[in-house]
Structures are given as structure tokens and as C-alpha cells.
Amino acid sequence: GDSVNHRLIFSGYQHHLSVRENPIIKNL
């Protein structure tokens, strides 16, 4: 889980937001 989550940072994932509030997740 950490490996994937930390890699998502390079795509713009923001850990201070919930999963559904992240801009890159909203557009899926």
C-alpha cells in the first residue's frame, strides 16, 4: 500500500486530502 501511495505523489496525489478529494482521483 505504501509503495503505491508514495508513487502516486509523483502524479500529484496529496496525502493531506482524502482519497475522493484528490484532484487526480476525481478525474478517474
mmCIF file of all heavy atoms, coordinates in Angstrom:
data_MODEL
# 
_entry.id   MODEL 
# 
loop_
_atom_site.group_PDB 
_atom_site.id 
_atom_site.type_symbol 
_atom_site.label_atom_id 
_atom_site.label_alt_id 
_atom_site.label_comp_id 
_atom_site.label_asym_id 
_atom_site.label_entity_id 
_atom_site.label_seq_id 
_atom_site.pdbx_PDB_ins_code 
_atom_site.Cartn_x 
_atom_site.Cartn_y 
_atom_site.Cartn_z 
_atom_site.occupancy 
_atom_site.B_iso_or_equiv 
_atom_site.pdbx_formal_charge 
_atom_site.auth_seq_id 
_atom_site.auth_comp_id 
_atom_site.auth_asym_id 
_atom_site.auth_atom_id 
_atom_site.pdbx_PDB_model_num 
ATOM 1   N N   . GLY A 1 1  ? 0.810   -1.214 0.000   1.00 0.00 ? 1  GLY A N   1 
ATOM 2   C CA  . GLY A 1 1  ? 0.000   0.000  0.000   1.00 0.00 ? 1  GLY A CA  1 
ATOM 3   C C   . GLY A 1 1  ? 0.840   1.258  0.000   1.00 0.00 ? 1  GLY A C   1 
ATOM 4   O O   . GLY A 1 1  ? 0.580   2.204  -0.758  1.00 0.00 ? 1  GLY A O   1 
ATOM 5   N N   . ASP A 1 2  ? 1.879   1.284  0.837   1.00 0.00 ? 2  ASP A N   1 
ATOM 6   C CA  . ASP A 1 2  ? 2.760   2.453  0.894   1.00 0.00 ? 2  ASP A CA  1 
ATOM 7   C C   . ASP A 1 2  ? 3.496   2.664  -0.413  1.00 0.00 ? 2  ASP A C   1 
ATOM 8   O O   . ASP A 1 2  ? 3.690   3.800  -0.858  1.00 0.00 ? 2  ASP A O   1 
ATOM 9   C CB  . ASP A 1 2  ? 3.772   2.279  2.031   1.00 0.00 ? 2  ASP A CB  1 
ATOM 10  C CG  . ASP A 1 2  ? 3.419   3.146  3.222   1.00 0.00 ? 2  ASP A CG  1 
ATOM 11  O OD1 . ASP A 1 2  ? 2.279   3.659  3.267   1.00 0.00 ? 2  ASP A OD1 1 
ATOM 12  O OD2 . ASP A 1 2  ? 4.272   3.318  4.104   1.00 0.00 ? 2  ASP A OD2 1 
ATOM 13  N N   . SER A 1 3  ? 3.943   1.576  -1.027  1.00 0.00 ? 3  SER A N   1 
ATOM 14  C CA  . SER A 1 3  ? 4.686   1.683  -2.281  1.00 0.00 ? 3  SER A CA  1 
ATOM 15  C C   . SER A 1 3  ? 3.848   2.377  -3.346  1.00 0.00 ? 3  SER A C   1 
ATOM 16  O O   . SER A 1 3  ? 4.313   3.282  -4.037  1.00 0.00 ? 3  SER A O   1 
ATOM 17  C CB  . SER A 1 3  ? 5.103   0.293  -2.758  1.00 0.00 ? 3  SER A CB  1 
ATOM 18  O OG  . SER A 1 3  ? 5.830   0.382  -3.975  1.00 0.00 ? 3  SER A OG  1 
ATOM 19  N N   . VAL A 1 4  ? 2.587   1.956  -3.460  1.00 0.00 ? 4  VAL A N   1 
ATOM 20  C CA  . VAL A 1 4  ? 1.702   2.571  -4.452  1.00 0.00 ? 4  VAL A CA  1 
ATOM 21  C C   . VAL A 1 4  ? 1.372   4.010  -4.069  1.00 0.00 ? 4  VAL A C   1 
ATOM 22  O O   . VAL A 1 4  ? 1.445   4.926  -4.893  1.00 0.00 ? 4  VAL A O   1 
ATOM 23  C CB  . VAL A 1 4  ? 0.405   1.748  -4.609  1.00 0.00 ? 4  VAL A CB  1 
ATOM 24  C CG1 . VAL A 1 4  ? -0.561  2.444  -5.554  1.00 0.00 ? 4  VAL A CG1 1 
ATOM 25  C CG2 . VAL A 1 4  ? 0.726   0.344  -5.119  1.00 0.00 ? 4  VAL A CG2 1 
ATOM 26  N N   . ASN A 1 5  ? 1.029   4.234  -2.793  1.00 0.00 ? 5  ASN A N   1 
ATOM 27  C CA  . ASN A 1 5  ? 0.650   5.579  -2.355  1.00 0.00 ? 5  ASN A CA  1 
ATOM 28  C C   . ASN A 1 5  ? 1.780   6.588  -2.517  1.00 0.00 ? 5  ASN A C   1 
ATOM 29  O O   . ASN A 1 5  ? 1.555   7.729  -2.931  1.00 0.00 ? 5  ASN A O   1 
ATOM 30  C CB  . ASN A 1 5  ? 0.189   5.541  -0.891  1.00 0.00 ? 5  ASN A CB  1 
ATOM 31  C CG  . ASN A 1 5  ? -1.180  4.930  -0.736  1.00 0.00 ? 5  ASN A CG  1 
ATOM 32  O OD1 . ASN A 1 5  ? -1.989  4.956  -1.663  1.00 0.00 ? 5  ASN A OD1 1 
ATOM 33  N ND2 . ASN A 1 5  ? -1.465  4.362  0.429   1.00 0.00 ? 5  ASN A ND2 1 
ATOM 34  N N   . HIS A 1 6  ? 2.989   6.171  -2.201  1.00 0.00 ? 6  HIS A N   1 
ATOM 35  C CA  . HIS A 1 6  ? 4.117   7.095  -2.332  1.00 0.00 ? 6  HIS A CA  1 
ATOM 36  C C   . HIS A 1 6  ? 4.451   7.363  -3.794  1.00 0.00 ? 6  HIS A C   1 
ATOM 37  O O   . HIS A 1 6  ? 4.902   8.453  -4.139  1.00 0.00 ? 6  HIS A O   1 
ATOM 38  C CB  . HIS A 1 6  ? 5.335   6.532  -1.600  1.00 0.00 ? 6  HIS A CB  1 
ATOM 39  C CG  . HIS A 1 6  ? 5.174   6.523  -0.113  1.00 0.00 ? 6  HIS A CG  1 
ATOM 40  N ND1 . HIS A 1 6  ? 6.091   5.925  0.729   1.00 0.00 ? 6  HIS A ND1 1 
ATOM 41  C CD2 . HIS A 1 6  ? 4.209   7.035  0.691   1.00 0.00 ? 6  HIS A CD2 1 
ATOM 42  C CE1 . HIS A 1 6  ? 5.686   6.073  1.984   1.00 0.00 ? 6  HIS A CE1 1 
ATOM 43  N NE2 . HIS A 1 6  ? 4.545   6.734  1.981   1.00 0.00 ? 6  HIS A NE2 1 
ATOM 44  N N   . ARG A 1 7  ? 4.242   6.395  -4.650  1.00 0.00 ? 7  ARG A N   1 
ATOM 45  C CA  . ARG A 1 7  ? 4.460   6.614  -6.081  1.00 0.00 ? 7  ARG A CA  1 
ATOM 46  C C   . ARG A 1 7  ? 3.439   7.599  -6.650  1.00 0.00 ? 7  ARG A C   1 
ATOM 47  O O   . ARG A 1 7  ? 3.716   8.327  -7.590  1.00 0.00 ? 7  ARG A O   1 
ATOM 48  C CB  . ARG A 1 7  ? 4.370   5.299  -6.858  1.00 0.00 ? 7  ARG A CB  1 
ATOM 49  C CG  . ARG A 1 7  ? 5.443   4.271  -6.538  1.00 0.00 ? 7  ARG A CG  1 
ATOM 50  C CD  . ARG A 1 7  ? 6.798   4.843  -6.591  1.00 0.00 ? 7  ARG A CD  1 
ATOM 51  N NE  . ARG A 1 7  ? 7.738   3.937  -7.238  1.00 0.00 ? 7  ARG A NE  1 
ATOM 52  C CZ  . ARG A 1 7  ? 9.026   4.209  -7.359  1.00 0.00 ? 7  ARG A CZ  1 
ATOM 53  N NH1 . ARG A 1 7  ? 9.500   5.327  -6.884  1.00 0.00 ? 7  ARG A NH1 1 
ATOM 54  N NH2 . ARG A 1 7  ? 9.832   3.374  -7.952  1.00 0.00 ? 7  ARG A NH2 1 
ATOM 55  N N   . LEU A 1 8  ? 2.232   7.591  -6.075  1.00 0.00 ? 8  LEU A N   1 
ATOM 56  C CA  . LEU A 1 8  ? 1.195   8.493  -6.554  1.00 0.00 ? 8  LEU A CA  1 
ATOM 57  C C   . LEU A 1 8  ? 1.560   9.963  -6.337  1.00 0.00 ? 8  LEU A C   1 
ATOM 58  O O   . LEU A 1 8  ? 1.012   10.844 -7.004  1.00 0.00 ? 8  LEU A O   1 
ATOM 59  C CB  . LEU A 1 8  ? -0.131  8.188  -5.849  1.00 0.00 ? 8  LEU A CB  1 
ATOM 60  C CG  . LEU A 1 8  ? -0.843  6.895  -6.256  1.00 0.00 ? 8  LEU A CG  1 
ATOM 61  C CD1 . LEU A 1 8  ? -2.072  6.670  -5.381  1.00 0.00 ? 8  LEU A CD1 1 
ATOM 62  C CD2 . LEU A 1 8  ? -1.245  6.933  -7.726  1.00 0.00 ? 8  LEU A CD2 1 
ATOM 63  N N   . ILE A 1 9  ? 2.468   10.228 -5.393  1.00 0.00 ? 9  ILE A N   1 
ATOM 64  C CA  . ILE A 1 9  ? 2.896   11.607 -5.145  1.00 0.00 ? 9  ILE A CA  1 
ATOM 65  C C   . ILE A 1 9  ? 3.464   12.231 -6.414  1.00 0.00 ? 9  ILE A C   1 
ATOM 66  O O   . ILE A 1 9  ? 3.235   13.408 -6.715  1.00 0.00 ? 9  ILE A O   1 
ATOM 67  C CB  . ILE A 1 9  ? 3.948   11.654 -4.014  1.00 0.00 ? 9  ILE A CB  1 
ATOM 68  C CG1 . ILE A 1 9  ? 3.285   11.288 -2.681  1.00 0.00 ? 9  ILE A CG1 1 
ATOM 69  C CG2 . ILE A 1 9  ? 4.578   13.043 -3.914  1.00 0.00 ? 9  ILE A CG2 1 
ATOM 70  C CD1 . ILE A 1 9  ? 4.247   11.257 -1.526  1.00 0.00 ? 9  ILE A CD1 1 
ATOM 71  N N   . PHE A 1 10 ? 4.189   11.425 -7.206  1.00 0.00 ? 10 PHE A N   1 
ATOM 72  C CA  . PHE A 1 10 ? 4.796   11.933 -8.433  1.00 0.00 ? 10 PHE A CA  1 
ATOM 73  C C   . PHE A 1 10 ? 3.736   12.276 -9.478  1.00 0.00 ? 10 PHE A C   1 
ATOM 74  O O   . PHE A 1 10 ? 4.018   12.971 -10.446 1.00 0.00 ? 10 PHE A O   1 
ATOM 75  C CB  . PHE A 1 10 ? 5.777   10.903 -9.003  1.00 0.00 ? 10 PHE A CB  1 
ATOM 76  C CG  . PHE A 1 10 ? 6.992   10.699 -8.154  1.00 0.00 ? 10 PHE A CG  1 
ATOM 77  C CD1 . PHE A 1 10 ? 7.092   9.608  -7.299  1.00 0.00 ? 10 PHE A CD1 1 
ATOM 78  C CD2 . PHE A 1 10 ? 8.045   11.597 -8.200  1.00 0.00 ? 10 PHE A CD2 1 
ATOM 79  C CE1 . PHE A 1 10 ? 8.217   9.423  -6.514  1.00 0.00 ? 10 PHE A CE1 1 
ATOM 80  C CE2 . PHE A 1 10 ? 9.174   11.419 -7.411  1.00 0.00 ? 10 PHE A CE2 1 
ATOM 81  C CZ  . PHE A 1 10 ? 9.260   10.330 -6.565  1.00 0.00 ? 10 PHE A CZ  1 
ATOM 82  N N   . SER A 1 11 ? 2.528   11.775 -9.288  1.00 0.00 ? 11 SER A N   1 
ATOM 83  C CA  . SER A 1 11 ? 1.431   12.078 -10.210 1.00 0.00 ? 11 SER A CA  1 
ATOM 84  C C   . SER A 1 11 ? 0.523   13.180 -9.682  1.00 0.00 ? 11 SER A C   1 
ATOM 85  O O   . SER A 1 11 ? -0.488  13.503 -10.297 1.00 0.00 ? 11 SER A O   1 
ATOM 86  C CB  . SER A 1 11 ? 0.602   10.809 -10.474 1.00 0.00 ? 11 SER A CB  1 
ATOM 87  O OG  . SER A 1 11 ? 1.404   9.782  -11.013 1.00 0.00 ? 11 SER A OG  1 
ATOM 88  N N   . GLY A 1 12 ? 0.888   13.716 -8.502  1.00 0.00 ? 12 GLY A N   1 
ATOM 89  C CA  . GLY A 1 12 ? 0.114   14.816 -7.952  1.00 0.00 ? 12 GLY A CA  1 
ATOM 90  C C   . GLY A 1 12 ? -0.798  14.448 -6.804  1.00 0.00 ? 12 GLY A C   1 
ATOM 91  O O   . GLY A 1 12 ? -1.591  15.284 -6.361  1.00 0.00 ? 12 GLY A O   1 
ATOM 92  N N   . TYR A 1 13 ? -0.702  13.214 -6.314  1.00 0.00 ? 13 TYR A N   1 
ATOM 93  C CA  . TYR A 1 13 ? -1.556  12.810 -5.184  1.00 0.00 ? 13 TYR A CA  1 
ATOM 94  C C   . TYR A 1 13 ? -1.139  13.585 -3.939  1.00 0.00 ? 13 TYR A C   1 
ATOM 95  O O   . TYR A 1 13 ? 0.046   13.782 -3.676  1.00 0.00 ? 13 TYR A O   1 
ATOM 96  C CB  . TYR A 1 13 ? -1.425  11.309 -4.942  1.00 0.00 ? 13 TYR A CB  1 
ATOM 97  C CG  . TYR A 1 13 ? -2.404  10.763 -3.926  1.00 0.00 ? 13 TYR A CG  1 
ATOM 98  C CD1 . TYR A 1 13 ? -3.681  10.382 -4.307  1.00 0.00 ? 13 TYR A CD1 1 
ATOM 99  C CD2 . TYR A 1 13 ? -2.051  10.636 -2.584  1.00 0.00 ? 13 TYR A CD2 1 
ATOM 100 C CE1 . TYR A 1 13 ? -4.590  9.880  -3.377  1.00 0.00 ? 13 TYR A CE1 1 
ATOM 101 C CE2 . TYR A 1 13 ? -2.949  10.137 -1.660  1.00 0.00 ? 13 TYR A CE2 1 
ATOM 102 C CZ  . TYR A 1 13 ? -4.217  9.760  -2.063  1.00 0.00 ? 13 TYR A CZ  1 
ATOM 103 O OH  . TYR A 1 13 ? -5.115  9.273  -1.142  1.00 0.00 ? 13 TYR A OH  1 
ATOM 104 N N   . GLN A 1 14 ? -2.125  14.014 -3.156  1.00 0.00 ? 14 GLN A N   1 
ATOM 105 C CA  . GLN A 1 14 ? -1.883  14.818 -1.965  1.00 0.00 ? 14 GLN A CA  1 
ATOM 106 C C   . GLN A 1 14 ? -2.391  14.079 -0.732  1.00 0.00 ? 14 GLN A C   1 
ATOM 107 O O   . GLN A 1 14 ? -3.598  13.869 -0.585  1.00 0.00 ? 14 GLN A O   1 
ATOM 108 C CB  . GLN A 1 14 ? -2.580  16.178 -2.094  1.00 0.00 ? 14 GLN A CB  1 
ATOM 109 C CG  . GLN A 1 14 ? -2.125  16.966 -3.318  1.00 0.00 ? 14 GLN A CG  1 
ATOM 110 C CD  . GLN A 1 14 ? -2.935  18.225 -3.524  1.00 0.00 ? 14 GLN A CD  1 
ATOM 111 O OE1 . GLN A 1 14 ? -3.091  19.022 -2.598  1.00 0.00 ? 14 GLN A OE1 1 
ATOM 112 N NE2 . GLN A 1 14 ? -3.454  18.414 -4.724  1.00 0.00 ? 14 GLN A NE2 1 
ATOM 113 N N   . HIS A 1 15 ? -1.452  13.699 0.135   1.00 0.00 ? 15 HIS A N   1 
ATOM 114 C CA  . HIS A 1 15 ? -1.809  12.884 1.299   1.00 0.00 ? 15 HIS A CA  1 
ATOM 115 C C   . HIS A 1 15 ? -2.624  13.650 2.333   1.00 0.00 ? 15 HIS A C   1 
ATOM 116 O O   . HIS A 1 15 ? -3.237  13.028 3.213   1.00 0.00 ? 15 HIS A O   1 
ATOM 117 C CB  . HIS A 1 15 ? -0.548  12.318 1.957   1.00 0.00 ? 15 HIS A CB  1 
ATOM 118 C CG  . HIS A 1 15 ? -0.020  11.090 1.281   1.00 0.00 ? 15 HIS A CG  1 
ATOM 119 N ND1 . HIS A 1 15 ? -0.519  9.839  1.526   1.00 0.00 ? 15 HIS A ND1 1 
ATOM 120 C CD2 . HIS A 1 15 ? 0.946   10.927 0.350   1.00 0.00 ? 15 HIS A CD2 1 
ATOM 121 C CE1 . HIS A 1 15 ? 0.116   8.949  0.782   1.00 0.00 ? 15 HIS A CE1 1 
ATOM 122 N NE2 . HIS A 1 15 ? 1.014   9.584  0.062   1.00 0.00 ? 15 HIS A NE2 1 
ATOM 123 N N   . HIS A 1 16 ? -2.607  14.964 2.264   1.00 0.00 ? 16 HIS A N   1 
ATOM 124 C CA  . HIS A 1 16 ? -3.375  15.731 3.242   1.00 0.00 ? 16 HIS A CA  1 
ATOM 125 C C   . HIS A 1 16 ? -4.854  15.808 2.874   1.00 0.00 ? 16 HIS A C   1 
ATOM 126 O O   . HIS A 1 16 ? -5.650  16.381 3.612   1.00 0.00 ? 16 HIS A O   1 
ATOM 127 C CB  . HIS A 1 16 ? -2.796  17.143 3.392   1.00 0.00 ? 16 HIS A CB  1 
ATOM 128 C CG  . HIS A 1 16 ? -2.784  17.935 2.120   1.00 0.00 ? 16 HIS A CG  1 
ATOM 129 N ND1 . HIS A 1 16 ? -1.776  17.822 1.195   1.00 0.00 ? 16 HIS A ND1 1 
ATOM 130 C CD2 . HIS A 1 16 ? -3.663  18.833 1.613   1.00 0.00 ? 16 HIS A CD2 1 
ATOM 131 C CE1 . HIS A 1 16 ? -2.017  18.626 0.178   1.00 0.00 ? 16 HIS A CE1 1 
ATOM 132 N NE2 . HIS A 1 16 ? -3.152  19.250 0.399   1.00 0.00 ? 16 HIS A NE2 1 
ATOM 133 N N   . LEU A 1 17 ? -5.222  15.232 1.718   1.00 0.00 ? 17 LEU A N   1 
ATOM 134 C CA  . LEU A 1 17 ? -6.618  15.171 1.302   1.00 0.00 ? 17 LEU A CA  1 
ATOM 135 C C   . LEU A 1 17 ? -7.103  13.721 1.359   1.00 0.00 ? 17 LEU A C   1 
ATOM 136 O O   . LEU A 1 17 ? -6.299  12.794 1.279   1.00 0.00 ? 17 LEU A O   1 
ATOM 137 C CB  . LEU A 1 17 ? -6.790  15.716 -0.124  1.00 0.00 ? 17 LEU A CB  1 
ATOM 138 C CG  . LEU A 1 17 ? -6.390  17.176 -0.362  1.00 0.00 ? 17 LEU A CG  1 
ATOM 139 C CD1 . LEU A 1 17 ? -6.493  17.509 -1.843  1.00 0.00 ? 17 LEU A CD1 1 
ATOM 140 C CD2 . LEU A 1 17 ? -7.248  18.127 0.467   1.00 0.00 ? 17 LEU A CD2 1 
ATOM 141 N N   . SER A 1 18 ? -8.399  13.533 1.483   1.00 0.00 ? 18 SER A N   1 
ATOM 142 C CA  . SER A 1 18 ? -8.943  12.184 1.437   1.00 0.00 ? 18 SER A CA  1 
ATOM 143 C C   . SER A 1 18 ? -8.842  11.641 0.020   1.00 0.00 ? 18 SER A C   1 
ATOM 144 O O   . SER A 1 18 ? -8.548  12.388 -0.924  1.00 0.00 ? 18 SER A O   1 
ATOM 145 C CB  . SER A 1 18 ? -10.402 12.182 1.895   1.00 0.00 ? 18 SER A CB  1 
ATOM 146 O OG  . SER A 1 18 ? -11.213 12.874 0.964   1.00 0.00 ? 18 SER A OG  1 
ATOM 147 N N   . VAL A 1 19 ? -9.085  10.331 -0.136  1.00 0.00 ? 19 VAL A N   1 
ATOM 148 C CA  . VAL A 1 19 ? -8.948  9.712  -1.455  1.00 0.00 ? 19 VAL A CA  1 
ATOM 149 C C   . VAL A 1 19 ? -9.854  10.395 -2.477  1.00 0.00 ? 19 VAL A C   1 
ATOM 150 O O   . VAL A 1 19 ? -9.430  10.781 -3.567  1.00 0.00 ? 19 VAL A O   1 
ATOM 151 C CB  . VAL A 1 19 ? -9.272  8.205  -1.378  1.00 0.00 ? 19 VAL A CB  1 
ATOM 152 C CG1 . VAL A 1 19 ? -9.258  7.586  -2.777  1.00 0.00 ? 19 VAL A CG1 1 
ATOM 153 C CG2 . VAL A 1 19 ? -8.258  7.498  -0.483  1.00 0.00 ? 19 VAL A CG2 1 
ATOM 154 N N   . ARG A 1 20 ? -11.111 10.577 -2.132  1.00 0.00 ? 20 ARG A N   1 
ATOM 155 C CA  . ARG A 1 20 ? -12.082 11.134 -3.079  1.00 0.00 ? 20 ARG A CA  1 
ATOM 156 C C   . ARG A 1 20 ? -11.881 12.625 -3.326  1.00 0.00 ? 20 ARG A C   1 
ATOM 157 O O   . ARG A 1 20 ? -12.345 13.154 -4.331  1.00 0.00 ? 20 ARG A O   1 
ATOM 158 C CB  . ARG A 1 20 ? -13.503 10.877 -2.592  1.00 0.00 ? 20 ARG A CB  1 
ATOM 159 C CG  . ARG A 1 20 ? -13.900 9.414  -2.698  1.00 0.00 ? 20 ARG A CG  1 
ATOM 160 C CD  . ARG A 1 20 ? -15.355 9.166  -2.396  1.00 0.00 ? 20 ARG A CD  1 
ATOM 161 N NE  . ARG A 1 20 ? -15.679 7.753  -2.550  1.00 0.00 ? 20 ARG A NE  1 
ATOM 162 C CZ  . ARG A 1 20 ? -16.068 7.203  -3.695  1.00 0.00 ? 20 ARG A CZ  1 
ATOM 163 N NH1 . ARG A 1 20 ? -16.217 7.954  -4.776  1.00 0.00 ? 20 ARG A NH1 1 
ATOM 164 N NH2 . ARG A 1 20 ? -16.328 5.906  -3.762  1.00 0.00 ? 20 ARG A NH2 1 
ATOM 165 N N   . GLU A 1 21 ? -11.191 13.331 -2.425  1.00 0.00 ? 21 GLU A N   1 
ATOM 166 C CA  . GLU A 1 21 ? -10.962 14.763 -2.612  1.00 0.00 ? 21 GLU A CA  1 
ATOM 167 C C   . GLU A 1 21 ? -9.734  15.058 -3.458  1.00 0.00 ? 21 GLU A C   1 
ATOM 168 O O   . GLU A 1 21 ? -9.522  16.194 -3.866  1.00 0.00 ? 21 GLU A O   1 
ATOM 169 C CB  . GLU A 1 21 ? -10.807 15.446 -1.246  1.00 0.00 ? 21 GLU A CB  1 
ATOM 170 C CG  . GLU A 1 21 ? -12.098 15.520 -0.445  1.00 0.00 ? 21 GLU A CG  1 
ATOM 171 C CD  . GLU A 1 21 ? -11.876 16.128 0.922   1.00 0.00 ? 21 GLU A CD  1 
ATOM 172 O OE1 . GLU A 1 21 ? -10.719 16.135 1.389   1.00 0.00 ? 21 GLU A OE1 1 
ATOM 173 O OE2 . GLU A 1 21 ? -12.851 16.593 1.531   1.00 0.00 ? 21 GLU A OE2 1 
ATOM 174 N N   . ASN A 1 22 ? -8.903  14.044 -3.736  1.00 0.00 ? 22 ASN A N   1 
ATOM 175 C CA  . ASN A 1 22 ? -7.694  14.272 -4.518  1.00 0.00 ? 22 ASN A CA  1 
ATOM 176 C C   . ASN A 1 22 ? -8.042  14.574 -5.975  1.00 0.00 ? 22 ASN A C   1 
ATOM 177 O O   . ASN A 1 22 ? -8.822  13.832 -6.590  1.00 0.00 ? 22 ASN A O   1 
ATOM 178 C CB  . ASN A 1 22 ? -6.774  13.041 -4.451  1.00 0.00 ? 22 ASN A CB  1 
ATOM 179 C CG  . ASN A 1 22 ? -5.708  13.202 -3.393  1.00 0.00 ? 22 ASN A CG  1 
ATOM 180 O OD1 . ASN A 1 22 ? -4.627  13.706 -3.666  1.00 0.00 ? 22 ASN A OD1 1 
ATOM 181 N ND2 . ASN A 1 22 ? -6.038  12.778 -2.189  1.00 0.00 ? 22 ASN A ND2 1 
ATOM 182 N N   . PRO A 1 23 ? -7.468  15.646 -6.533  1.00 0.00 ? 23 PRO A N   1 
ATOM 183 C CA  . PRO A 1 23 ? -7.781  16.020 -7.918  1.00 0.00 ? 23 PRO A CA  1 
ATOM 184 C C   . PRO A 1 23 ? -7.527  14.902 -8.919  1.00 0.00 ? 23 PRO A C   1 
ATOM 185 O O   . PRO A 1 23 ? -8.332  14.695 -9.831  1.00 0.00 ? 23 PRO A O   1 
ATOM 186 C CB  . PRO A 1 23 ? -6.851  17.213 -8.170  1.00 0.00 ? 23 PRO A CB  1 
ATOM 187 C CG  . PRO A 1 23 ? -6.589  17.786 -6.819  1.00 0.00 ? 23 PRO A CG  1 
ATOM 188 C CD  . PRO A 1 23 ? -6.557  16.613 -5.883  1.00 0.00 ? 23 PRO A CD  1 
ATOM 189 N N   . ILE A 1 24 ? -6.433  14.143 -8.760  1.00 0.00 ? 24 ILE A N   1 
ATOM 190 C CA  . ILE A 1 24 ? -6.125  13.108 -9.746  1.00 0.00 ? 24 ILE A CA  1 
ATOM 191 C C   . ILE A 1 24 ? -7.083  11.927 -9.626  1.00 0.00 ? 24 ILE A C   1 
ATOM 192 O O   . ILE A 1 24 ? -7.298  11.192 -10.590 1.00 0.00 ? 24 ILE A O   1 
ATOM 193 C CB  . ILE A 1 24 ? -4.663  12.617 -9.626  1.00 0.00 ? 24 ILE A CB  1 
ATOM 194 C CG1 . ILE A 1 24 ? -4.442  11.902 -8.280  1.00 0.00 ? 24 ILE A CG1 1 
ATOM 195 C CG2 . ILE A 1 24 ? -3.682  13.756 -9.800  1.00 0.00 ? 24 ILE A CG2 1 
ATOM 196 C CD1 . ILE A 1 24 ? -3.115  11.162 -8.228  1.00 0.00 ? 24 ILE A CD1 1 
ATOM 197 N N   . ILE A 1 25 ? -7.680  11.736 -8.452  1.00 0.00 ? 25 ILE A N   1 
ATOM 198 C CA  . ILE A 1 25 ? -8.635  10.646 -8.259  1.00 0.00 ? 25 ILE A CA  1 
ATOM 199 C C   . ILE A 1 25 ? -10.012 11.040 -8.783  1.00 0.00 ? 25 ILE A C   1 
ATOM 200 O O   . ILE A 1 25 ? -10.741 10.219 -9.353  1.00 0.00 ? 25 ILE A O   1 
ATOM 201 C CB  . ILE A 1 25 ? -8.718  10.251 -6.776  1.00 0.00 ? 25 ILE A CB  1 
ATOM 202 C CG1 . ILE A 1 25 ? -7.335  9.827  -6.253  1.00 0.00 ? 25 ILE A CG1 1 
ATOM 203 C CG2 . ILE A 1 25 ? -9.715  9.125  -6.570  1.00 0.00 ? 25 ILE A CG2 1 
ATOM 204 C CD1 . ILE A 1 25 ? -6.760  8.591  -6.893  1.00 0.00 ? 25 ILE A CD1 1 
ATOM 205 N N   . LYS A 1 26 ? -10.376 12.313 -8.602  1.00 0.00 ? 26 LYS A N   1 
ATOM 206 C CA  . LYS A 1 26 ? -11.687 12.787 -9.047  1.00 0.00 ? 26 LYS A CA  1 
ATOM 207 C C   . LYS A 1 26 ? -11.911 12.572 -10.540 1.00 0.00 ? 26 LYS A C   1 
ATOM 208 O O   . LYS A 1 26 ? -13.031 12.345 -10.986 1.00 0.00 ? 26 LYS A O   1 
ATOM 209 C CB  . LYS A 1 26 ? -11.836 14.278 -8.733  1.00 0.00 ? 26 LYS A CB  1 
ATOM 210 C CG  . LYS A 1 26 ? -12.092 14.598 -7.272  1.00 0.00 ? 26 LYS A CG  1 
ATOM 211 C CD  . LYS A 1 26 ? -12.254 16.096 -7.089  1.00 0.00 ? 26 LYS A CD  1 
ATOM 212 C CE  . LYS A 1 26 ? -12.557 16.449 -5.638  1.00 0.00 ? 26 LYS A CE  1 
ATOM 213 N NZ  . LYS A 1 26 ? -12.695 17.919 -5.458  1.00 0.00 ? 26 LYS A NZ  1 
ATOM 214 N N   . ASN A 1 27 ? -10.818 12.639 -11.312 1.00 0.00 ? 27 ASN A N   1 
ATOM 215 C CA  . ASN A 1 27 ? -10.937 12.561 -12.772 1.00 0.00 ? 27 ASN A CA  1 
ATOM 216 C C   . ASN A 1 27 ? -10.891 11.140 -13.311 1.00 0.00 ? 27 ASN A C   1 
ATOM 217 O O   . ASN A 1 27 ? -10.882 10.940 -14.529 1.00 0.00 ? 27 ASN A O   1 
ATOM 218 C CB  . ASN A 1 27 ? -9.826  13.389 -13.430 1.00 0.00 ? 27 ASN A CB  1 
ATOM 219 C CG  . ASN A 1 27 ? -9.912  14.866 -13.059 1.00 0.00 ? 27 ASN A CG  1 
ATOM 220 O OD1 . ASN A 1 27 ? -11.008 15.393 -12.899 1.00 0.00 ? 27 ASN A OD1 1 
ATOM 221 N ND2 . ASN A 1 27 ? -8.771  15.514 -12.902 1.00 0.00 ? 27 ASN A ND2 1 
ATOM 222 N N   . LEU A 1 28 ? -10.834 10.148 -12.433 1.00 0.00 ? 28 LEU A N   1 
ATOM 223 C CA  . LEU A 1 28 ? -10.751 8.758  -12.900 1.00 0.00 ? 28 LEU A CA  1 
ATOM 224 C C   . LEU A 1 28 ? -12.065 8.320  -13.542 1.00 0.00 ? 28 LEU A C   1 
ATOM 225 O O   . LEU A 1 28 ? -13.150 8.647  -13.075 1.00 0.00 ? 28 LEU A O   1 
ATOM 226 C CB  . LEU A 1 28 ? -10.428 7.830  -11.731 1.00 0.00 ? 28 LEU A CB  1 
ATOM 227 C CG  . LEU A 1 28 ? -8.994  7.833  -11.197 1.00 0.00 ? 28 LEU A CG  1 
ATOM 228 C CD1 . LEU A 1 28 ? -8.879  6.909  -9.999  1.00 0.00 ? 28 LEU A CD1 1 
ATOM 229 C CD2 . LEU A 1 28 ? -8.002  7.399  -12.278 1.00 0.00 ? 28 LEU A CD2 1 
# 
